[in-house]
Structures are given as structure tokens and as C-alpha cells.
Amino acid sequence: MSGRAMKSQLALPTGIKKLTNIAVVRLKKHGVRFEIACYKNTVVAWRDKHEKDVDNVLQTTRVYNNVSKGVFAKEDDLLKAFGTTDEAAVCALILETGELQVSDKERKHTFDNILRDAVTVLVDKCVNPETNRPYPPGMIERALKDIHFSVDPLKSAKQQALAALPKLQKVFPIQRAAMRFKFTVPALHAAATLEMLQGVNATVESNVEIEESGAESGVSNEVVCTSDPSVYRTCDKFIREQTGGLGRLEVVTMAVMEGGTSAATFEYGGGGGGGGGRSTLMGMDGFVNSGGGATIAAAFGVFDLGDSSGENGNGGGGERPLRPTESATREPRLRGAGPGTSVRHRRDDPAADVSAAGEGTAVLYPRGAIAALPEAFASRRDRFTPLDAIQPGWQVELRQKQGSSVVDAVFFCPVGVGYKAFADARREALKDSKGR
């Protein structure tokens, strides 16, 4: 027999039922802590009135002092704190007013939902003031991240979205979409109504006299106007007080906007070096084509010029516009260069040249200094000017394909290499300026 003591294995109790995968709701009252065990992801649904059956929320109707240790609350403590020993009623009270221990995944899920709802509110209620079109959801979400938008779980998504609007207006053009109202007032109050609308800078679209029959018989005026949503309370107060309850105010359209979405591109300075990771949002030019009268979004580098001479087999027609985020990550291509060929790797290649506009392409502004762009392209001149500030000597050429309303910009660095995207040109200018 060896001298070593034999190790005896401890027997685990078999009558213990462990509560695992639970959410604990805690309430401290009269110096005693009370806890209840609930299913995960159900407490918030119960408080939001989405879940009606309490059996789907509570794992058990027993009240604990400590759920993890399985210590039940004493009846004397329940009677002292809640005035009853009915544990079902106590569970309902703790479920409504107690403190919920939320896991990281639940918290992230809640924050993501609020952020998504805030983006939806901004898309539905805001427009680009230049085009009166809404922005795409992806662009709004990226802009919110750029301004370091922080989610508050205690506030509604609409409240937080409208609070973030002033910060977004400092980054790119955006404003609340106008609402369309319809006033039906007795003819006696028509003049006062028009005067009130003029005072709140509303745009009157129509003013028609109508004959009303029945209890509201007589001549009335039906005034339809568009105005900022903030004047709704003013209009409602006017109808209730000035017309003696005889007028009506209806909201015809919650957000007056054009169809489609406003295009824009995010240009990141940190992707190609030298930008320090800072991102900015660059809006699109609103360019009116006098021939067709159509408003187009023509912005530096967003549309790929392709091979206008047809050397690559596409015949020089029907270029595909890039997505809003594509121009910042796509490799710049030169005329005659194959896909994936970077311009900075082809500086010595004489074939890599975009100086020729090609057949069927009109040159609206020949290759020249950015500062010399005419007033017709003043908005482009203002946007391109920072390129000269980073590295002097850059030039630009504006082209337009025959039968197309899209105006494309091609940028030339001081050594004559061409770039078809403003983001690529700026990135190269930053590299060259830091390499000097």
C-alpha cells in the first residue's frame, strides 16, 4: 500500500436546477435587493408592449434575493417592500420598474436599430436643397459616422435624427423637406390666411374658391401651400383661433421631394496615403443642360470616361456611372491602359495618355489652369481649387460626349499624367507633396 493519500472525487448535487441563459431584472427597495429571472431579448419587447404573454418573458414567477446563487426572497421582505406576498404581482412590478442587466450583444443590437431608424428618418424627411431629392441611406449613415453621431437609447430615433441635422449641414447640403398643407377657410378669412402664410415664408401653390353645402354651406377658399415643417403649429393655432373653428388644416404631403436620389461621393484622404484617415463628403454639381433642360449630377471622377476612341472594343459609347462609393476605391485608369493598371506605374509609358478627347467627344474647356475655369463652371472651380493648394501646377479639361448630358473632368498633374477621378488626383497630389 502506497503512502500517498487517495483523492476522493466530490459528488455534485443532483437536485439543483441551474438557471442559465437568463436576463436578470433587479430592483432594490427598503434596503433589500429583489431579482427575477427572465428570458433574454424579451424584457424590452414586454416594456414596448410588443410581447403580451408574461409567460414568454418570465422563466419562473419566484422572486430571488440572488438569482445566480438561487437564494429566494423571504416573505417578510416581500410584505415590507411591496405590501403583498403574491410573487406573481411582485414579478410584474419588478419587470416594469426594475433595472435590466443588458448584455453586450443586446446593447449593440439596440444601438444598431436606433441608428438604422435615425437614418430612415433623415432619408424620409430630408433632401438636397439643390435638387430637392433625398440622399441614399448609405450616404446618410456614413455621414453620421463622420460627425461621430452617438446613439442615446433613452431618446427616440426621430428626436436624435433631427438633432443631428445641424451637424450634417456643416458637412454637406441637406435640409428638412417642405410639407404641403391645405387650408379650407371661409372667404372672410382668406386674406388673413394668405397674409399669415406670407409671414412664415410659405409658397402658395393655389387659391381656389369653392362652394360648400350642408352644415358648412357658403363660399370658402381652399389654399394649398408648401412650407417648412416647423410652421405647422403656427398654422394650426391660426386655424383654431382666427377662424373660430370654421377652418380646416390638412397635411397633404409629409415631405415634398422629387423622385430619385441625390448622387454624391465620399472622398477619403487616408486610403491612398497622406490623408490621416479624415473623410469628407463631396456633393455633386447641379448642371442644367440648356438643350434638354434636364438636371444632371456631373461631378469630377464619378463617371468613368472609358475609351472614347473605341480601342478597347466598346465603341466609345454607354459608359456605366460608378456607385457613390466606388470612385474612392477604384484604381485610376488611363486611355489605352488595361483594367487594374495604376497610373503611377505607367508614368514612362507614352501610350498611357488621355490628352486626346477622341472622336464624338466635345471639349467644353480645353486643358488649362483650374483657376481659369469660366463662370459657367464656377462650382467646379471652387471644388477643384484645393488641388492647386496641395500641389501647384495641376490642370483640368472638361469633356462631353456627343448625345450625352454628362460633363466629365480629366485632371493632369504637373508632369502631364492624366486622372479621371478627383479622388485619385487629390491622393496623388498629397503623395507628391509629401515626397518633396
Protein backbone atom coordinates (compact mmCIF):
# COMPACT_ATOMS: atom_id res chain seq x y z
CA MET A 1 0.00 0.00 0.00
CA SER A 2 1.47 3.33 -1.05
CA GLY A 3 1.90 6.17 1.34
CA ARG A 4 0.09 8.67 -0.89
CA ALA A 5 -3.42 9.63 0.15
CA MET A 6 -6.13 8.68 -2.31
CA LYS A 7 -8.01 11.56 -3.86
CA SER A 8 -11.74 11.26 -3.42
CA GLN A 9 -13.94 12.75 -6.17
CA LEU A 10 -16.51 15.25 -4.90
CA ALA A 11 -20.06 14.28 -5.71
CA LEU A 12 -22.08 17.14 -7.26
CA PRO A 13 -25.65 17.61 -6.05
CA THR A 14 -28.19 16.23 -8.50
CA GLY A 15 -31.23 18.14 -7.25
CA ILE A 16 -30.01 21.58 -8.32
CA LYS A 17 -31.68 23.16 -11.37
CA LYS A 18 -29.39 25.87 -12.69
CA LEU A 19 -30.86 28.97 -14.36
CA THR A 20 -28.70 29.54 -17.40
CA ASN A 21 -29.06 31.85 -20.41
CA ILE A 22 -31.17 34.34 -18.50
CA ALA A 23 -31.62 38.08 -18.21
CA VAL A 24 -31.78 39.36 -14.64
CA VAL A 25 -34.06 42.27 -13.72
CA ARG A 26 -33.08 43.79 -10.40
CA LEU A 27 -34.91 46.15 -8.02
CA LYS A 28 -33.63 47.43 -4.68
CA LYS A 29 -36.28 48.51 -2.21
CA HIS A 30 -36.21 49.10 1.55
CA GLY A 31 -32.56 48.07 1.58
CA VAL A 32 -33.28 44.61 0.12
CA ARG A 33 -32.36 43.51 -3.38
CA PHE A 34 -35.00 41.62 -5.32
CA GLU A 35 -34.31 39.85 -8.62
CA ILE A 36 -36.36 37.92 -11.18
CA ALA A 37 -35.14 35.59 -13.95
CA CYS A 38 -36.34 36.37 -17.49
CA TYR A 39 -35.66 35.08 -20.97
CA LYS A 40 -33.15 37.08 -22.96
CA ASN A 41 -34.35 39.66 -25.50
CA THR A 42 -37.88 39.61 -24.10
CA VAL A 43 -37.89 42.27 -21.37
CA VAL A 44 -37.57 45.19 -23.79
CA ALA A 45 -40.28 43.69 -26.00
CA TRP A 46 -42.56 43.46 -22.93
CA ARG A 47 -41.90 47.06 -21.95
CA ASP A 48 -42.54 48.22 -25.53
CA LYS A 49 -45.89 46.35 -25.46
CA HIS A 50 -44.82 44.05 -28.29
CA GLU A 51 -44.95 40.97 -26.07
CA LYS A 52 -48.29 40.38 -24.31
CA ASP A 53 -47.82 36.97 -22.65
CA VAL A 54 -45.84 37.25 -19.42
CA ASP A 55 -45.10 33.51 -19.53
CA ASN A 56 -42.92 34.18 -22.57
CA VAL A 57 -40.90 36.68 -20.53
CA LEU A 58 -40.51 35.15 -17.04
CA GLN A 59 -38.59 31.91 -16.61
CA THR A 60 -40.19 31.50 -13.19
CA THR A 61 -42.53 33.52 -11.01
CA ARG A 62 -40.31 33.10 -7.96
CA VAL A 63 -38.63 36.24 -6.58
CA TYR A 64 -34.96 35.97 -5.61
CA ASN A 65 -32.51 37.87 -3.50
CA ASN A 66 -29.76 36.47 -5.71
CA VAL A 67 -30.59 34.61 -8.93
CA SER A 68 -27.08 33.31 -9.58
CA LYS A 69 -26.91 31.70 -6.13
CA GLY A 70 -30.54 30.58 -6.10
CA VAL A 71 -31.42 32.50 -2.91
CA PHE A 72 -35.17 33.14 -2.69
CA ALA A 73 -36.62 36.30 -1.20
CA LYS A 74 -38.25 36.00 2.22
CA GLU A 75 -41.97 36.60 2.62
CA ASP A 76 -41.34 39.16 5.35
CA ASP A 77 -39.15 41.19 2.98
CA LEU A 78 -41.76 40.99 0.22
CA LEU A 79 -44.52 42.12 2.59
CA LYS A 80 -42.40 45.00 3.89
CA ALA A 81 -41.28 46.22 0.47
CA PHE A 82 -44.37 45.58 -1.67
CA GLY A 83 -47.19 45.11 0.83
CA THR A 84 -48.02 41.66 -0.54
CA THR A 85 -46.60 38.16 -0.70
CA ASP A 86 -48.09 37.43 -4.13
CA GLU A 87 -44.92 36.72 -6.08
CA ALA A 88 -46.68 36.96 -9.47
CA ALA A 89 -47.73 40.55 -8.72
CA VAL A 90 -44.25 41.37 -7.38
CA CYS A 91 -42.67 39.93 -10.56
CA ALA A 92 -44.91 42.14 -12.71
CA LEU A 93 -43.86 45.22 -10.72
CA ILE A 94 -40.14 44.39 -10.92
CA LEU A 95 -40.50 43.64 -14.62
CA GLU A 96 -41.88 47.13 -15.28
CA THR A 97 -39.68 49.24 -13.00
CA GLY A 98 -36.58 47.15 -12.35
CA GLU A 99 -33.09 47.61 -13.72
CA LEU A 100 -32.30 45.32 -16.64
CA GLN A 101 -28.84 43.82 -16.99
CA VAL A 102 -28.22 44.06 -20.74
CA SER A 103 -25.52 42.02 -22.46
CA ASP A 104 -23.09 43.50 -24.98
CA LYS A 105 -24.83 41.84 -27.92
CA GLU A 106 -28.24 43.12 -26.81
CA ARG A 107 -26.87 46.63 -26.35
CA LYS A 108 -25.23 46.57 -29.79
CA HIS A 109 -28.45 45.28 -31.34
CA THR A 110 -30.43 48.11 -29.73
CA PHE A 111 -27.94 50.76 -30.84
CA ASP A 112 -27.89 49.43 -34.41
CA ASN A 113 -31.69 49.52 -34.57
CA ILE A 114 -31.81 53.11 -33.34
CA LEU A 115 -29.11 54.16 -35.82
CA ARG A 116 -30.97 52.45 -38.66
CA ASP A 117 -34.21 54.18 -37.65
CA ALA A 118 -32.43 57.55 -37.47
CA VAL A 119 -31.06 57.05 -40.99
CA THR A 120 -34.55 56.17 -42.23
CA VAL A 121 -35.97 59.34 -40.66
CA LEU A 122 -33.32 61.51 -42.37
CA VAL A 123 -33.89 59.82 -45.72
CA ASP A 124 -37.68 60.23 -45.47
CA LYS A 125 -37.71 63.81 -44.18
CA CYS A 126 -34.61 65.50 -45.64
CA VAL A 127 -33.50 66.46 -49.14
CA ASN A 128 -30.63 68.03 -51.02
CA PRO A 129 -31.67 71.71 -51.30
CA GLU A 130 -30.05 71.98 -54.75
CA THR A 131 -32.02 69.12 -56.32
CA ASN A 132 -34.87 68.58 -53.83
CA ARG A 133 -34.10 64.87 -53.87
CA PRO A 134 -33.42 62.58 -50.88
CA TYR A 135 -29.97 61.17 -50.19
CA PRO A 136 -29.33 57.41 -50.28
CA PRO A 137 -29.39 55.67 -46.87
CA GLY A 138 -25.78 54.50 -47.16
CA MET A 139 -24.56 58.06 -47.65
CA ILE A 140 -26.53 59.33 -44.64
CA GLU A 141 -25.18 56.52 -42.46
CA ARG A 142 -21.58 57.25 -43.44
CA ALA A 143 -22.10 60.96 -42.83
CA LEU A 144 -23.48 60.26 -39.33
CA LYS A 145 -20.37 58.24 -38.56
CA ASP A 146 -18.18 61.06 -39.88
CA ILE A 147 -19.73 63.55 -37.43
CA HIS A 148 -19.34 60.98 -34.60
CA PHE A 149 -23.08 60.55 -34.09
CA SER A 150 -23.66 58.82 -30.76
CA VAL A 151 -26.85 56.87 -30.07
CA ASP A 152 -28.85 57.59 -26.92
CA PRO A 153 -31.05 54.59 -26.07
CA LEU A 154 -33.34 56.79 -23.95
CA LYS A 155 -34.36 59.07 -26.84
CA SER A 156 -36.41 58.30 -29.93
CA ALA A 157 -34.73 57.84 -33.29
CA LYS A 158 -36.62 60.80 -34.79
CA GLN A 159 -35.55 63.11 -31.99
CA GLN A 160 -31.90 62.13 -32.37
CA ALA A 161 -32.01 62.33 -36.17
CA LEU A 162 -33.37 65.88 -36.20
CA ALA A 163 -30.84 66.88 -33.52
CA ALA A 164 -28.03 65.62 -35.78
CA LEU A 165 -29.30 67.62 -38.78
CA PRO A 166 -27.42 70.89 -37.92
CA LYS A 167 -24.15 68.94 -37.71
CA LEU A 168 -24.82 67.26 -41.05
CA GLN A 169 -25.47 70.66 -42.65
CA LYS A 170 -21.88 71.62 -41.87
CA VAL A 171 -20.62 68.63 -43.89
CA PHE A 172 -22.82 68.71 -46.99
CA PRO A 173 -26.02 70.43 -48.19
CA ILE A 174 -29.10 68.93 -46.55
CA GLN A 175 -32.31 70.35 -45.12
CA ARG A 176 -35.78 69.32 -43.99
CA ALA A 177 -38.13 68.65 -46.86
CA ALA A 178 -41.07 71.03 -47.09
CA MET A 179 -44.58 69.89 -46.17
CA ARG A 180 -47.66 70.57 -48.27
CA PHE A 181 -50.67 71.98 -46.40
CA LYS A 182 -54.24 72.59 -47.49
CA PHE A 183 -56.26 75.31 -45.76
CA THR A 184 -60.04 75.42 -46.12
CA VAL A 185 -61.25 78.71 -44.63
CA PRO A 186 -64.32 80.90 -45.05
CA ALA A 187 -63.89 83.57 -47.73
CA LEU A 188 -63.94 86.18 -44.97
CA HIS A 189 -60.63 84.84 -43.57
CA ALA A 190 -58.90 84.16 -46.90
CA ALA A 191 -56.93 87.41 -46.89
CA ALA A 192 -55.75 86.87 -43.31
CA THR A 193 -54.70 83.33 -44.19
CA LEU A 194 -52.61 84.49 -47.15
CA GLU A 195 -51.03 87.19 -45.00
CA MET A 196 -50.13 84.62 -42.34
CA LEU A 197 -48.59 82.30 -44.95
CA GLN A 198 -46.55 85.18 -46.33
CA GLY A 199 -45.26 85.87 -42.84
CA VAL A 200 -43.95 82.32 -42.42
CA ASN A 201 -42.35 82.30 -45.92
CA ALA A 202 -44.74 79.69 -47.26
CA THR A 203 -45.11 79.15 -51.02
CA VAL A 204 -48.76 79.35 -52.11
CA GLU A 205 -49.44 76.89 -54.93
CA SER A 206 -53.16 77.53 -55.42
CA ASN A 207 -56.03 79.59 -54.05
CA VAL A 208 -59.45 78.43 -55.24
CA GLU A 209 -62.95 79.45 -54.20
CA ILE A 210 -65.27 76.52 -53.57
CA GLU A 211 -68.96 76.16 -52.72
CA GLU A 212 -69.65 74.06 -49.63
CA SER A 213 -73.03 72.57 -48.89
CA GLY A 214 -74.65 71.14 -45.77
CA ALA A 215 -73.79 72.37 -42.31
CA GLU A 216 -70.81 74.33 -43.66
CA SER A 217 -72.68 75.98 -46.52
CA GLY A 218 -71.23 79.12 -48.08
CA VAL A 219 -68.19 80.20 -50.07
CA SER A 220 -64.81 79.08 -48.83
CA ASN A 221 -61.26 79.37 -50.06
CA GLU A 222 -59.04 76.32 -50.50
CA VAL A 223 -55.40 77.35 -50.21
CA VAL A 224 -52.64 74.84 -50.95
CA CYS A 225 -49.08 75.76 -49.97
CA THR A 226 -45.68 74.29 -49.15
CA SER A 227 -43.65 75.37 -46.16
CA ASP A 228 -41.09 74.29 -43.61
CA PRO A 229 -42.46 71.68 -41.17
CA SER A 230 -41.66 73.95 -38.23
CA VAL A 231 -44.60 76.25 -39.11
CA TYR A 232 -47.22 73.53 -38.60
CA ARG A 233 -48.01 74.61 -35.04
CA THR A 234 -48.32 78.22 -36.16
CA CYS A 235 -50.77 77.24 -38.90
CA ASP A 236 -52.77 75.01 -36.56
CA LYS A 237 -53.02 77.79 -33.97
CA PHE A 238 -54.18 80.24 -36.64
CA ILE A 239 -56.94 77.90 -37.82
CA ARG A 240 -58.21 77.25 -34.29
CA GLU A 241 -58.11 80.84 -33.03
CA GLN A 242 -58.58 83.14 -36.01
CA THR A 243 -61.30 81.29 -37.92
CA GLY A 244 -63.41 80.46 -34.88
CA GLY A 245 -63.22 76.75 -35.58
CA LEU A 246 -64.72 77.14 -39.08
CA GLY A 247 -61.48 76.43 -40.93
CA ARG A 248 -59.67 73.19 -41.57
CA LEU A 249 -55.99 72.37 -41.89
CA GLU A 250 -54.87 69.22 -43.68
CA VAL A 251 -51.38 67.84 -44.28
CA VAL A 252 -51.40 66.76 -47.92
CA THR A 253 -47.78 65.64 -48.20
CA MET A 254 -45.41 64.94 -45.32
CA ALA A 255 -42.27 65.55 -47.40
CA VAL A 256 -42.33 67.29 -50.77
CA MET A 257 -39.45 65.96 -52.86
CA GLU A 258 -38.52 64.96 -56.38
CA GLY A 259 -38.23 61.34 -57.47
CA GLY A 260 -34.91 59.51 -57.38
CA THR A 261 -31.97 60.22 -55.11
CA SER A 262 -29.23 62.82 -54.99
CA ALA A 263 -25.85 61.41 -56.03
CA ALA A 264 -22.69 62.21 -54.13
CA THR A 265 -19.33 60.67 -53.44
CA PHE A 266 -17.29 60.23 -50.28
CA GLU A 267 -13.64 61.05 -50.82
CA TYR A 268 -11.29 59.63 -48.20
CA GLY A 269 -7.84 61.10 -47.78
CA GLY A 270 -6.43 58.18 -45.80
CA GLY A 271 -6.94 55.39 -48.33
CA GLY A 272 -4.04 56.27 -50.62
CA GLY A 273 -1.74 57.86 -48.09
CA GLY A 274 -1.32 61.29 -46.61
CA GLY A 275 -4.92 61.93 -45.61
CA GLY A 276 -4.61 60.89 -41.99
CA GLY A 277 -7.85 58.91 -42.19
CA ARG A 278 -10.01 62.04 -42.40
CA SER A 279 -13.06 61.71 -44.58
CA THR A 280 -15.14 64.39 -46.22
CA LEU A 281 -18.34 64.32 -48.22
CA MET A 282 -18.23 65.90 -51.64
CA GLY A 283 -21.54 66.91 -53.20
CA MET A 284 -22.39 66.76 -56.91
CA ASP A 285 -22.71 69.64 -59.27
CA GLY A 286 -26.23 70.50 -60.31
CA PHE A 287 -25.62 71.16 -64.00
CA VAL A 288 -28.53 72.28 -66.19
CA ASN A 289 -28.26 71.24 -69.80
CA SER A 290 -29.76 74.05 -71.85
CA GLY A 291 -30.58 71.69 -74.71
CA GLY A 292 -32.63 69.16 -72.80
CA GLY A 293 -33.36 71.12 -69.65
CA ALA A 294 -32.56 68.08 -67.50
CA THR A 295 -30.75 68.42 -64.21
CA ILE A 296 -27.80 66.04 -64.06
CA ALA A 297 -25.25 65.11 -61.46
CA ALA A 298 -21.89 65.62 -63.13
CA ALA A 299 -19.08 65.51 -60.64
CA PHE A 300 -15.40 65.02 -61.03
CA GLY A 301 -14.48 61.38 -61.39
CA VAL A 302 -17.84 59.84 -60.60
CA PHE A 303 -18.41 58.93 -64.26
CA ASP A 304 -15.74 56.80 -65.99
CA LEU A 305 -14.71 58.22 -69.35
CA GLY A 306 -13.66 54.80 -70.61
CA ASP A 307 -12.05 54.56 -74.08
CA SER A 308 -13.79 57.12 -76.21
CA SER A 309 -11.93 56.11 -79.38
CA GLY A 310 -13.21 52.53 -79.23
CA GLU A 311 -9.75 50.97 -78.96
CA ASN A 312 -10.84 48.62 -76.21
CA GLY A 313 -13.74 47.24 -78.20
CA ASN A 314 -16.58 49.12 -76.58
CA GLY A 315 -17.09 51.54 -79.43
CA GLY A 316 -16.76 54.51 -77.13
CA GLY A 317 -20.39 54.57 -76.01
CA GLY A 318 -22.62 53.96 -72.98
CA GLU A 319 -20.26 54.36 -70.03
CA ARG A 320 -21.54 52.99 -66.74
CA PRO A 321 -21.75 55.57 -63.92
CA LEU A 322 -19.94 54.50 -60.79
CA ARG A 323 -21.64 53.99 -57.47
CA PRO A 324 -21.30 56.76 -54.85
CA THR A 325 -18.53 54.87 -53.01
CA GLU A 326 -16.82 53.31 -56.00
CA SER A 327 -14.75 56.25 -57.21
CA ALA A 328 -12.78 56.48 -53.96
CA THR A 329 -11.55 52.89 -54.09
CA ARG A 330 -11.29 52.17 -57.81
CA GLU A 331 -7.88 52.17 -59.46
CA PRO A 332 -7.48 55.15 -61.83
CA ARG A 333 -7.27 54.09 -65.47
CA LEU A 334 -5.75 55.84 -68.45
CA ARG A 335 -6.82 55.65 -72.05
CA GLY A 336 -5.21 52.58 -73.55
CA ALA A 337 -4.38 51.07 -70.14
CA GLY A 338 -5.85 47.73 -69.16
CA PRO A 339 -8.06 47.12 -66.12
CA GLY A 340 -6.21 47.27 -62.84
CA THR A 341 -3.28 49.27 -64.27
CA SER A 342 -2.32 52.08 -61.91
CA VAL A 343 -1.31 55.43 -63.39
CA ARG A 344 1.67 55.81 -61.09
CA HIS A 345 3.12 52.59 -62.51
CA ARG A 346 2.86 53.86 -66.09
CA ARG A 347 4.48 57.28 -65.92
CA ASP A 348 7.07 56.35 -68.57
CA ASP A 349 4.61 54.70 -70.97
CA PRO A 350 3.93 57.07 -73.91
CA ALA A 351 0.73 55.18 -74.74
CA ALA A 352 -0.72 55.98 -71.34
CA ASP A 353 -2.14 59.34 -72.33
CA VAL A 354 -5.60 60.88 -72.01
CA SER A 355 -4.77 64.20 -73.62
CA ALA A 356 -6.80 63.30 -76.74
CA ALA A 357 -10.55 63.63 -76.26
CA GLY A 358 -11.31 61.12 -79.03
CA GLU A 359 -13.99 61.06 -81.69
CA GLY A 360 -17.50 62.08 -80.69
CA THR A 361 -16.29 63.97 -77.63
CA ALA A 362 -16.57 67.76 -77.36
CA VAL A 363 -14.07 69.71 -75.26
CA LEU A 364 -16.03 72.27 -73.23
CA TYR A 365 -12.91 73.63 -71.51
CA PRO A 366 -9.51 72.81 -73.04
CA ARG A 367 -6.70 71.67 -70.84
CA GLY A 368 -5.72 74.61 -68.68
CA ALA A 369 -5.38 76.02 -65.19
CA ILE A 370 -8.07 75.24 -62.65
CA ALA A 371 -8.32 78.87 -61.56
CA ALA A 372 -9.11 79.88 -65.16
CA LEU A 373 -12.35 77.86 -65.35
CA PRO A 374 -15.17 80.12 -66.64
CA GLU A 375 -18.10 81.25 -64.53
CA ALA A 376 -20.32 78.59 -66.12
CA PHE A 377 -18.28 76.05 -64.15
CA ALA A 378 -17.77 78.16 -61.01
CA SER A 379 -18.90 75.40 -58.67
CA ARG A 380 -16.36 73.01 -60.19
CA ARG A 381 -13.65 75.64 -59.96
CA ASP A 382 -14.32 76.08 -56.25
CA ARG A 383 -14.17 72.31 -55.67
CA PHE A 384 -11.03 71.76 -57.75
CA THR A 385 -9.07 74.71 -56.33
CA PRO A 386 -7.78 72.74 -53.25
CA LEU A 387 -5.87 70.55 -55.72
CA ASP A 388 -3.65 73.51 -56.64
CA ALA A 389 -3.21 74.35 -52.96
CA ILE A 390 -1.86 70.85 -52.28
CA GLN A 391 0.47 70.79 -55.30
CA PRO A 392 0.69 73.76 -57.73
CA GLY A 393 0.62 73.11 -61.44
CA TRP A 394 -2.43 70.86 -61.81
CA GLN A 395 -4.63 71.34 -64.89
CA VAL A 396 -8.14 70.24 -65.81
CA GLU A 397 -10.07 69.56 -69.02
CA LEU A 398 -13.85 69.30 -69.28
CA ARG A 399 -15.35 67.00 -71.91
CA GLN A 400 -18.83 66.00 -73.03
CA LYS A 401 -19.70 63.03 -75.21
CA GLN A 402 -21.92 63.57 -78.21
CA GLY A 403 -25.55 62.90 -77.36
CA SER A 404 -24.82 62.84 -73.62
CA SER A 405 -25.55 65.45 -70.97
CA VAL A 406 -22.75 64.24 -68.69
CA VAL A 407 -19.76 66.55 -68.33
CA ASP A 408 -16.55 64.73 -67.36
CA ALA A 409 -13.43 66.21 -65.81
CA VAL A 410 -9.91 64.91 -66.55
CA PHE A 411 -7.07 66.07 -64.31
CA PHE A 412 -3.42 66.42 -65.32
CA CYS A 413 -0.59 66.53 -62.80
CA PRO A 414 2.43 68.86 -63.33
CA VAL A 415 4.28 66.11 -65.25
CA GLY A 416 1.31 65.50 -67.57
CA VAL A 417 -0.18 62.24 -66.22
CA GLY A 418 -3.98 62.14 -66.52
CA TYR A 419 -6.51 61.10 -63.88
CA LYS A 420 -10.21 60.59 -64.43
CA ALA A 421 -11.28 60.80 -60.78
CA PHE A 422 -10.82 63.78 -58.49
CA ALA A 423 -10.18 61.47 -55.54
CA ASP A 424 -7.28 59.82 -57.40
CA ALA A 425 -5.85 63.18 -58.45
CA ARG A 426 -6.02 64.53 -54.90
CA ARG A 427 -4.47 61.38 -53.49
CA GLU A 428 -1.56 61.61 -55.95
CA ALA A 429 -1.09 65.31 -55.18
CA LEU A 430 -0.89 64.53 -51.47
CA LYS A 431 1.72 61.84 -52.10
CA ASP A 432 3.85 64.05 -54.31
CA SER A 433 3.66 67.00 -51.92
CA LYS A 434 4.81 64.82 -49.01
CA GLY A 435 7.57 63.24 -51.06
CA ARG A 436 9.20 66.56 -51.83
